[in-house]
Each structure stands twice: as C-alpha cells, then as structure tokens.
C-alpha cells in the first residue's frame, strides 16, 4: 500500500514539475514572439518591402448580362476583400486555336464585362485578380492539353499568347492587383517550359502588378 502511495505521489510530482516548466517557458517566449511580429510590421511600414496581401476571396463566375451591385454588397457584408474575374476563352483541339471576346460569350467573359466588373469591385475596396481560363472542346481537361505536331503546338501557343497579353494589358490599364497568366495547364507547362518563360517575360513588360499561376 505504501509503495502504491509513493508511486502515485511521484507521478503527480513529475507531472506538476513538467506543467510548471512548460507554462513558464511559454510565458517567457510570448513577449519575444510579439516583439518580432511588431518589429516586422514596423519594418514593412517604413521600408520599400511590399506588404503581403491577405485574400479573403471569392470567384466571380461571369454574369450573363450585368454584375448586380447587390452581389458585391453581399460579399462585402461577409468580409470578402478580394474577387477573381474570369475572361474565358475556348480551345478548339482539332484546329489548335484559342477563341475569346466573341459575341456568343456572356457579358462577364468579354472585355466590356471585365472592365465594368473590375471597376465595381474596386469601388467596394476589393482586391481584384484577373484569371483567364480555358474551356476545351471534346470534354478535354485543360491539364492534359497536348498536340501531336509541333505545328499545332506553335499555333495554339501563338493564339494563347495573344489572348494573355491582351488581358495583361487590360489588367495594367485597370490597375488590377493580381494577374493569373494560366490556369490548370500542367502538361503544357511541363512539356514546353521555354514557351512559358518567354511568355512571362513579355507579360512583365506590359503588366507591373503581381503575377501568379493557378495549378489547381
């Protein structure tokens, strides 16, 4: 009985010492962490280092006709501070072409809709990302996009470059904060890195905001 009591007392004592050590260590480290956070905040506010963007964002699917003001008001009331706007384009795999900005597309996918939507979002103090996205015929997944000849690859790449640079210039004109130069094009990126490197260089000549790629 005495042995059991001694064993129990030893366990309690060990746990108490461990808790005391852990609790005091956490308290002693807390001020250092707080100081480092404040130091970072002060440094970024007085230097040329850009402040990180914190996105609480939603994807705006292109509206058919117009973007209702109530949509943005609802987003704002739910603390959304960023939206992505999508100018869709259509890939014809048989012809290796990229078609966009045609009258058959919804208003929100065309240039006029993109400009108006971006201005409306900015009027609500929201960050805007312009995110071009492809639809591919034959129910083809964009991530698997490929062509069987060099000629088709180059034709598609030429069309895609025109599409992307057109909206990169628009993003610069409308002071859109983030530009996503491709979405779900894993196979193309893996097989044709030289194309993508030169395209990024061209984008940077016309667009000075943040660049990103959506691998998904």
Protein backbone atom coordinates (compact mmCIF):
# COMPACT_ATOMS: atom_id res chain seq x y z
CA UNK A 1 0.00 0.00 0.00
CA UNK A 2 2.81 2.40 0.94
CA UNK A 3 4.61 1.57 -2.32
CA UNK A 4 1.48 2.45 -4.33
CA UNK A 5 1.09 5.75 -2.48
CA UNK A 6 4.76 6.62 -3.10
CA UNK A 7 4.45 5.69 -6.78
CA UNK A 8 1.31 7.81 -7.18
CA UNK A 9 2.97 10.75 -5.39
CA UNK A 10 6.00 10.51 -7.67
CA UNK A 11 3.82 10.60 -10.78
CA UNK A 12 1.90 13.65 -9.53
CA UNK A 13 5.13 15.44 -8.65
CA UNK A 14 6.62 14.71 -12.08
CA UNK A 15 3.52 16.00 -13.88
CA UNK A 16 3.47 19.13 -11.71
CA UNK A 17 7.10 19.94 -12.47
CA UNK A 18 6.52 19.34 -16.19
CA UNK A 19 3.47 21.62 -16.24
CA UNK A 20 5.33 24.34 -14.33
CA UNK A 21 8.28 24.19 -16.72
CA UNK A 22 6.09 24.22 -19.85
CA UNK A 23 3.86 27.03 -18.57
CA UNK A 24 6.76 29.30 -17.64
CA UNK A 25 8.61 28.56 -20.87
CA UNK A 26 5.53 29.54 -22.92
CA UNK A 27 5.18 32.80 -20.97
CA UNK A 28 8.82 33.67 -21.41
CA UNK A 29 8.69 33.08 -25.16
CA UNK A 30 5.47 35.00 -25.76
CA UNK A 31 6.94 38.53 -25.46
CA UNK A 32 9.71 37.64 -27.91
CA UNK A 33 7.18 36.44 -30.47
CA UNK A 34 5.04 39.53 -30.01
CA UNK A 35 8.08 41.78 -30.39
CA UNK A 36 9.12 40.02 -33.60
CA UNK A 37 5.65 40.49 -35.07
CA UNK A 38 5.60 44.18 -34.21
CA UNK A 39 9.14 44.61 -35.50
CA UNK A 40 8.12 43.07 -38.82
CA UNK A 41 5.09 45.33 -39.03
CA UNK A 42 7.14 48.42 -38.29
CA UNK A 43 9.84 47.45 -40.76
CA UNK A 44 7.46 46.80 -43.63
CA UNK A 45 5.62 50.07 -42.96
CA UNK A 46 8.77 52.18 -43.20
CA UNK A 47 10.68 50.32 -45.93
CA UNK A 48 10.22 49.57 -49.60
CA UNK A 49 9.23 45.96 -48.89
CA UNK A 50 5.70 45.35 -50.17
CA UNK A 51 3.14 44.34 -47.58
CA UNK A 52 1.76 40.82 -48.08
CA UNK A 53 -1.73 40.58 -49.48
CA UNK A 54 -4.26 38.78 -47.32
CA UNK A 55 -7.01 37.37 -49.51
CA UNK A 56 -10.50 36.58 -48.25
CA UNK A 57 -11.67 35.95 -51.75
CA UNK A 58 -14.43 34.60 -53.91
CA UNK A 59 -14.52 33.56 -57.54
CA UNK A 60 -16.97 35.64 -59.60
CA UNK A 61 -18.44 33.42 -62.29
CA UNK A 62 -19.00 35.62 -65.33
CA UNK A 63 -22.56 37.02 -65.30
CA UNK A 64 -24.69 36.65 -68.41
CA UNK A 65 -25.67 40.31 -68.71
CA UNK A 66 -24.51 42.58 -65.90
CA UNK A 67 -22.98 42.28 -62.46
CA UNK A 68 -25.53 43.25 -59.83
CA UNK A 69 -24.37 45.73 -57.22
CA UNK A 70 -26.12 43.60 -54.59
CA UNK A 71 -23.71 40.72 -55.35
CA UNK A 72 -20.72 42.78 -54.23
CA UNK A 73 -22.64 44.19 -51.27
CA UNK A 74 -23.41 40.64 -50.11
CA UNK A 75 -19.76 39.66 -50.48
CA UNK A 76 -18.64 42.76 -48.59
CA UNK A 77 -21.06 42.02 -45.75
CA UNK A 78 -19.42 38.58 -45.45
CA UNK A 79 -15.96 40.17 -45.13
CA UNK A 80 -14.81 39.24 -48.64
CA UNK A 81 -11.99 41.58 -49.66
CA UNK A 82 -10.91 40.04 -52.98
CA UNK A 83 -12.54 38.64 -56.10
CA UNK A 84 -11.27 36.86 -59.19
CA UNK A 85 -12.77 37.80 -62.55
CA UNK A 86 -12.56 35.31 -65.40
CA UNK A 87 -12.33 36.15 -69.11
CA UNK A 88 -12.97 32.69 -70.55
CA UNK A 89 -11.56 31.53 -73.88
CA UNK A 90 -12.38 28.44 -75.91
CA UNK A 91 -9.85 25.96 -77.29
CA UNK A 92 -10.61 24.02 -80.44
CA UNK A 93 -8.37 20.96 -80.16
CA UNK A 94 -8.88 20.00 -83.80
CA UNK A 95 -7.66 23.36 -85.07
CA UNK A 96 -5.32 24.18 -82.14
CA UNK A 97 -6.87 27.62 -81.74
CA UNK A 98 -7.91 29.90 -78.85
CA UNK A 99 -11.04 32.00 -79.35
CA UNK A 100 -12.19 34.75 -77.00
CA UNK A 101 -14.09 38.01 -76.77
CA UNK A 102 -16.74 36.96 -79.25
CA UNK A 103 -20.41 37.97 -79.20
CA UNK A 104 -21.59 34.48 -78.30
CA UNK A 105 -19.88 34.73 -74.92
CA UNK A 106 -21.54 36.03 -71.78
CA UNK A 107 -21.12 39.70 -70.93
CA UNK A 108 -18.91 38.92 -67.92
CA UNK A 109 -16.44 36.95 -70.07
CA UNK A 110 -15.84 39.73 -72.57
CA UNK A 111 -13.67 42.84 -72.26
CA UNK A 112 -16.56 45.20 -71.52
CA UNK A 113 -17.78 42.98 -68.70
CA UNK A 114 -14.29 42.53 -67.28
CA UNK A 115 -13.68 46.28 -67.14
CA UNK A 116 -17.03 47.06 -65.54
CA UNK A 117 -16.75 44.20 -63.02
CA UNK A 118 -13.23 45.29 -62.00
CA UNK A 119 -14.32 48.89 -61.51
CA UNK A 120 -17.30 47.80 -59.42
CA UNK A 121 -15.12 45.58 -57.24
CA UNK A 122 -12.59 48.37 -56.76
CA UNK A 123 -15.40 50.73 -55.75
CA UNK A 124 -16.03 48.31 -52.86
CA UNK A 125 -12.32 48.42 -51.95
CA UNK A 126 -11.79 44.84 -53.09
CA UNK A 127 -8.58 43.39 -54.49
CA UNK A 128 -9.09 42.05 -58.00
CA UNK A 129 -7.38 39.12 -59.67
CA UNK A 130 -7.84 38.72 -63.40
CA UNK A 131 -7.78 34.98 -64.06
CA UNK A 132 -8.03 33.89 -67.72
CA UNK A 133 -9.37 30.37 -68.01
CA UNK A 134 -9.83 27.94 -70.90
CA UNK A 135 -12.74 25.78 -71.93
CA UNK A 136 -11.64 22.92 -74.20
CA UNK A 137 -13.91 21.09 -76.63
CA UNK A 138 -14.49 17.32 -76.62
CA UNK A 139 -14.75 17.45 -72.79
CA UNK A 140 -10.98 17.66 -72.67
CA UNK A 141 -9.34 18.55 -69.33
CA UNK A 142 -7.06 21.56 -69.74
CA UNK A 143 -4.38 19.98 -67.58
CA UNK A 144 -3.94 17.24 -70.19
CA UNK A 145 -3.84 19.61 -73.15
CA UNK A 146 -1.39 18.35 -75.77
CA UNK A 147 -0.89 18.31 -79.54
CA UNK A 148 0.58 15.68 -81.82
CA UNK A 149 2.63 18.01 -84.02
CA UNK A 150 4.98 20.93 -83.45
CA UNK A 151 2.92 22.98 -85.90
CA UNK A 152 -0.21 22.62 -83.75
CA UNK A 153 1.70 23.44 -80.59
CA UNK A 154 3.03 26.65 -82.09
CA UNK A 155 -0.38 27.64 -83.48
CA UNK A 156 -2.01 27.17 -80.08
CA UNK A 157 0.83 28.95 -78.28
CA UNK A 158 0.61 31.93 -80.64
CA UNK A 159 -3.14 32.24 -80.02
CA UNK A 160 -2.74 31.80 -76.27
CA UNK A 161 -0.03 34.47 -76.13
CA UNK A 162 -2.29 36.96 -77.92
CA UNK A 163 -5.13 36.13 -75.51
CA UNK A 164 -2.99 36.51 -72.40
CA UNK A 165 -1.14 39.66 -73.43
CA UNK A 166 -4.44 41.30 -74.36
CA UNK A 167 -5.75 40.80 -70.84
CA UNK A 168 -2.39 41.55 -69.21
CA UNK A 169 -2.54 44.99 -70.85
CA UNK A 170 -6.13 45.40 -69.69
CA UNK A 171 -5.11 44.43 -66.16
CA UNK A 172 -2.44 47.14 -66.20
CA UNK A 173 -4.84 49.76 -67.55
CA UNK A 174 -7.46 48.95 -64.92
CA UNK A 175 -4.90 48.76 -62.09
CA UNK A 176 -5.88 45.17 -61.33
CA UNK A 177 -3.71 43.97 -58.48
CA UNK A 178 -3.09 40.34 -59.49
CA UNK A 179 -2.86 38.66 -62.89
CA UNK A 180 -3.03 34.90 -63.25
CA UNK A 181 -1.40 34.07 -66.57
CA UNK A 182 -2.60 30.44 -66.78
CA UNK A 183 -4.94 28.01 -65.06
CA UNK A 184 -4.63 24.22 -64.96
CA UNK A 185 -2.18 23.82 -67.83
CA UNK A 186 0.16 21.32 -66.19
CA UNK A 187 1.01 19.27 -69.27
CA UNK A 188 1.83 22.31 -71.37
CA UNK A 189 3.93 23.85 -68.58
CA UNK A 190 5.87 20.58 -68.14
CA UNK A 191 6.44 19.95 -71.85
CA UNK A 192 7.04 23.50 -73.07
CA UNK A 193 8.93 25.44 -70.36
CA UNK A 194 10.76 27.68 -72.84
CA UNK A 195 7.45 28.94 -74.17
CA UNK A 196 6.20 29.82 -70.71
CA UNK A 197 9.43 31.54 -69.69
CA UNK A 198 9.34 33.84 -72.72
CA UNK A 199 5.62 34.50 -72.22
CA UNK A 200 6.16 35.54 -68.60
CA UNK A 201 8.92 37.91 -69.74
CA UNK A 202 6.53 39.50 -72.25
CA UNK A 203 3.79 39.84 -69.64
CA UNK A 204 6.16 41.66 -67.30
CA UNK A 205 6.81 44.27 -69.98
CA UNK A 206 3.16 45.28 -70.09
CA UNK A 207 1.90 44.43 -66.60
CA UNK A 208 3.55 45.65 -63.38
CA UNK A 209 1.31 44.04 -60.76
CA UNK A 210 1.53 40.67 -59.04
CA UNK A 211 1.79 37.58 -61.25
CA UNK A 212 0.64 34.08 -60.37
CA UNK A 213 -0.21 30.69 -61.88
CA UNK A 214 -3.16 28.50 -60.80
CA UNK A 215 -2.03 24.89 -60.86
CA UNK A 216 -5.14 23.60 -59.04
